[in-house]
Protein backbone atom coordinates (compact mmCIF):
# COMPACT_ATOMS: atom_id res chain seq x y z
CA LYS A 1 52.67 229.33 65.03
CA CYS A 2 50.90 226.09 64.10
CA GLY A 3 47.65 227.28 65.74
CA HIS A 4 47.36 224.58 68.37
CA LEU A 5 45.80 225.57 71.67
CA PHE A 6 45.65 223.67 74.96
CA THR A 7 43.92 223.94 78.24
CA ASN A 8 46.45 224.94 81.10
CA PRO A 9 47.08 223.39 83.42
CA VAL A 10 46.75 220.04 81.80
CA ILE A 11 44.94 217.38 83.96
CA PRO A 12 47.25 214.44 84.83
CA GLU A 13 46.42 211.27 83.12
CA GLU A 14 46.16 209.36 86.22
CA SER A 15 43.27 211.76 87.44
CA LEU A 16 40.97 211.12 84.34
CA SER A 17 39.28 208.10 85.75
CA ALA A 18 38.08 209.86 88.75
CA LEU A 19 37.13 212.88 86.68
CA TYR A 20 34.89 211.07 84.34
CA GLY A 21 33.74 208.45 86.88
CA ASP A 22 32.37 211.30 89.22
CA TYR A 23 31.26 213.99 86.96
CA TYR A 24 30.55 212.76 83.45
CA PRO A 25 26.93 212.03 82.48
CA ARG A 26 27.48 208.38 81.75
CA LYS A 27 26.99 207.78 85.52
CA HIS A 28 23.25 208.13 84.81
CA ILE A 29 22.87 206.06 81.59
CA ASP A 30 19.71 203.85 81.38
CA ILE A 31 21.61 200.53 80.49
CA THR A 32 18.45 198.76 79.16
CA MET A 33 17.50 201.62 76.90
CA LEU A 34 20.83 202.03 75.36
CA GLY A 35 20.53 198.88 73.09
CA ALA A 36 16.96 199.76 72.29
CA ASN A 37 18.04 203.12 70.89
CA ILE A 38 20.50 201.50 68.44
CA ASP A 39 19.04 201.44 64.92
CA GLU A 40 20.41 199.29 62.03
CA PRO A 41 23.38 201.46 61.08
CA GLY A 42 23.98 199.73 57.77
CA GLY A 43 20.68 200.75 56.10
CA SER A 44 20.33 203.57 53.67
CA ILE A 45 17.56 205.12 55.82
CA ALA A 46 19.92 205.29 58.91
CA ALA A 47 22.64 206.77 56.71
CA LEU A 48 20.28 209.49 55.41
CA LYS A 49 19.26 210.26 59.02
CA ARG A 50 22.98 210.58 60.06
CA TRP A 51 23.64 212.90 57.10
CA LEU A 52 20.66 215.09 57.88
CA SER A 53 21.63 215.37 61.60
CA GLY A 54 25.29 215.76 60.92
CA THR A 55 26.20 212.80 62.91
CA ASN A 56 27.94 210.76 60.13
CA ASN A 57 31.23 211.95 61.27
CA GLN A 58 31.82 208.92 63.58
CA GLY A 59 34.50 206.30 62.84
CA GLN A 60 32.36 203.12 63.30
CA TYR A 61 30.48 203.88 60.16
CA TYR A 62 33.70 203.04 58.17
CA VAL A 63 33.41 199.49 59.37
CA ARG A 64 33.10 196.66 56.86
CA PRO A 65 32.11 193.09 57.61
CA GLY A 66 34.94 191.02 59.13
CA MET A 67 37.09 194.05 60.26
CA THR A 68 38.50 194.00 63.86
CA VAL A 69 37.83 197.44 65.27
CA LEU A 70 39.10 199.25 68.34
CA ASP A 71 37.18 202.26 69.55
CA TYR A 72 39.57 204.10 71.94
CA GLY A 73 37.40 206.11 74.37
CA CYS A 74 34.26 204.19 73.41
CA GLY A 75 32.04 206.14 75.79
CA SER A 76 28.71 204.48 76.48
CA GLY A 77 29.61 201.45 74.24
CA ALA A 78 26.90 202.36 71.79
CA SER A 79 29.44 202.61 68.91
CA LEU A 80 30.52 198.98 69.58
CA LEU A 81 26.93 197.69 69.38
CA GLU A 82 26.83 199.54 66.00
CA VAL A 83 30.18 197.94 64.93
CA GLU A 84 28.72 194.46 65.69
CA LYS A 85 25.51 195.23 63.63
CA LEU A 86 27.82 196.18 60.75
CA GLY A 87 29.59 192.88 60.94
CA GLY A 88 32.73 194.00 62.74
CA ASN A 89 34.59 192.47 65.62
CA ALA A 90 34.37 195.21 68.26
CA TYR A 91 36.79 196.18 71.09
CA GLY A 92 36.68 199.25 73.22
CA ILE A 93 38.87 201.08 75.75
CA GLU A 94 37.39 203.52 78.14
CA ALA A 95 38.67 205.42 81.21
CA ASP A 96 35.28 205.99 82.75
CA PRO A 97 34.54 203.11 85.26
CA ASN A 98 30.84 203.61 84.85
CA ILE A 99 31.12 201.67 81.56
CA ALA A 100 31.95 198.40 83.23
CA ALA A 101 28.28 197.68 84.05
CA ILE A 102 27.25 198.45 80.35
CA ALA A 103 30.14 196.05 79.17
CA GLU A 104 28.91 193.33 81.35
CA HIS A 105 25.16 193.74 80.43
CA TYR A 106 25.90 193.63 76.60
CA LYS A 107 28.85 191.20 76.80
CA LEU A 108 31.05 193.94 75.11
CA LYS A 109 34.94 193.59 75.03
CA ILE A 110 35.64 196.86 76.80
CA HIS A 111 38.80 197.36 78.74
CA VAL A 112 38.30 199.96 81.54
CA GLY A 113 41.54 201.80 81.81
CA GLY A 114 44.21 202.67 79.22
CA LEU A 115 46.76 201.25 76.71
CA ASP A 116 49.40 201.22 79.33
CA ASP A 117 47.64 198.21 80.79
CA ASN A 118 48.32 196.33 77.51
CA PRO A 119 44.69 195.32 76.89
CA PHE A 120 43.89 192.76 74.18
CA PRO A 121 47.45 191.38 73.84
CA GLY A 122 48.22 190.06 70.37
CA VAL A 123 45.05 191.69 68.65
CA LYS A 124 45.82 193.83 65.65
CA PHE A 125 43.01 196.21 64.47
CA ASP A 126 41.98 196.97 60.85
CA LEU A 127 40.35 200.18 62.00
CA ILE A 128 41.04 202.29 65.08
CA VAL A 129 38.37 204.88 65.94
CA LEU A 130 38.78 207.92 68.22
CA ASN A 131 35.38 209.63 68.21
CA GLN A 132 35.65 213.03 70.18
CA VAL A 133 38.50 211.56 72.12
CA ILE A 134 41.85 213.12 71.17
CA GLU A 135 40.86 216.50 72.53
CA HIS A 136 40.45 214.86 76.01
CA LEU A 137 44.02 213.56 76.26
CA PRO A 138 46.90 215.23 78.35
CA ASP A 139 49.37 213.72 75.80
CA PRO A 140 47.79 212.72 72.46
CA ALA A 141 51.20 211.95 70.90
CA LYS A 142 51.89 209.24 73.43
CA LEU A 143 48.64 207.63 72.65
CA ILE A 144 49.25 207.61 68.90
CA ARG A 145 52.70 206.11 69.49
CA LEU A 146 51.10 203.28 71.63
CA LEU A 147 48.26 202.72 69.07
CA LEU A 148 50.34 202.47 65.92
CA PRO A 149 51.84 198.98 66.64
CA ARG A 150 48.40 197.67 67.14
CA LEU A 151 47.23 198.70 63.72
CA ALA A 152 47.13 195.78 61.14
CA PRO A 153 48.86 196.24 57.72
CA GLY A 154 46.84 198.55 55.67
CA GLY A 155 44.73 199.68 58.63
CA LYS A 156 43.43 203.07 59.15
CA PHE A 157 42.62 205.50 62.03
CA VAL A 158 39.37 207.53 61.83
CA LEU A 159 39.27 210.55 64.30
CA SER A 160 36.78 213.21 64.83
CA PHE A 161 37.36 216.22 67.18
CA PRO A 162 36.25 220.00 67.35
CA ASN A 163 38.00 222.33 65.07
CA ALA A 164 39.54 225.28 66.96
CA GLY A 165 39.86 227.08 63.64
CA SER A 166 36.18 226.86 62.80
CA VAL A 167 33.60 229.65 62.02
CA TYR A 168 31.83 228.81 65.24
CA ARG A 169 34.95 229.17 67.35
CA ARG A 170 35.80 232.61 65.77
CA LEU A 171 32.16 233.72 65.96
CA PHE A 172 31.44 232.80 69.55
CA GLY A 173 34.93 233.33 70.95
CA ARG A 174 35.01 232.66 74.77
CA ARG A 175 31.52 231.16 74.50
CA TRP A 176 32.39 228.42 71.89
CA ILE A 177 30.93 225.24 73.49
CA ASN A 178 33.91 223.16 72.58
CA TRP A 179 36.33 224.73 75.05
CA HIS A 180 34.34 222.33 77.34
CA ILE A 181 36.58 222.90 80.38
CA PRO A 182 37.98 220.86 82.21
CA TYR A 183 37.25 217.94 79.70
CA HIS A 184 38.81 219.23 76.59
CA LEU A 185 42.61 219.61 77.02
CA GLN A 186 43.74 219.94 73.39
CA HIS A 187 42.23 222.27 70.70
CA PHE A 188 43.29 221.27 67.12
CA THR A 189 43.05 223.25 63.95
CA ARG A 190 43.28 221.55 60.59
CA LYS A 191 46.86 222.97 60.28
CA SER A 192 48.01 221.92 63.72
CA PHE A 193 46.47 218.41 63.31
CA THR A 194 48.29 218.02 60.00
CA ILE A 195 51.62 218.89 61.70
CA PHE A 196 50.80 216.65 64.61
CA SER A 197 50.06 213.81 62.19
CA ALA A 198 53.29 214.16 60.25
CA ASN A 199 55.31 214.32 63.59
CA ASN A 200 53.73 211.10 64.81
CA GLY A 201 53.90 208.76 61.76
CA LEU A 202 50.38 209.41 60.38
CA SER A 203 49.49 210.49 56.81
CA ILE A 204 46.04 212.12 56.29
CA GLU A 205 44.06 210.48 53.58
CA ARG A 206 40.96 212.67 54.04
CA CYS A 207 39.91 215.63 56.14
CA ARG A 208 36.35 217.13 56.22
CA THR A 209 34.35 219.37 58.58
CA VAL A 210 30.94 218.11 59.78
CA THR A 211 28.92 220.09 62.37
CA PRO A 212 26.20 217.98 64.13
CA ASN A 213 22.90 219.86 64.43
CA LEU A 214 22.97 219.20 68.22
CA TRP A 215 26.20 221.29 68.47
CA THR A 216 24.54 224.17 66.64
CA PHE A 217 21.43 224.02 69.01
CA LEU A 218 23.66 223.94 72.16
CA GLN A 219 25.95 226.66 70.90
CA LEU A 220 22.93 228.98 70.25
CA TYR A 221 21.37 227.95 73.59
């Protein structure tokens, strides 16, 4: 009734590291080029480029100087390099073991694993970012319960994820790119995420829909 969809069967949490380590494209990232491709994210030109391309929906762009930031599911680590350029203190958590070489190369504070390992003990975060992450989780409610105590007073979450109630999903049906089997396990709508938030101690301050141009290109392709 809430409109939430999920991939069945759900992949066990303990299988995620092997899945992403073996099959996700980060295995082939050019480490030296990663940093070279990071622009100055705080400038007005960079902000305009993000707006034009539809990529301004990422949580790291809400960083202010001096903030301590956790990017859960930080992927290649590019977002952490941007956080540092924006004056934040960046931490990351990533299940994909391929990220370890990137973290070492750029001296990034990335824990390879999950929150069950209790990474970064005692650190509280002003901003917790989940960029295209919550849809990958077998049990997103468990993660929110583990993250909430790590939030500093007055801190915020910023999450971005595909909208299973979107025009694209209705238009393209079974060919919607964001089913993304087997990686996407949860398919939220605005209604289902509102209910999920209320059930897990979050209140929604702002909600908007942003479609990256790349998604449109890939969908048409």
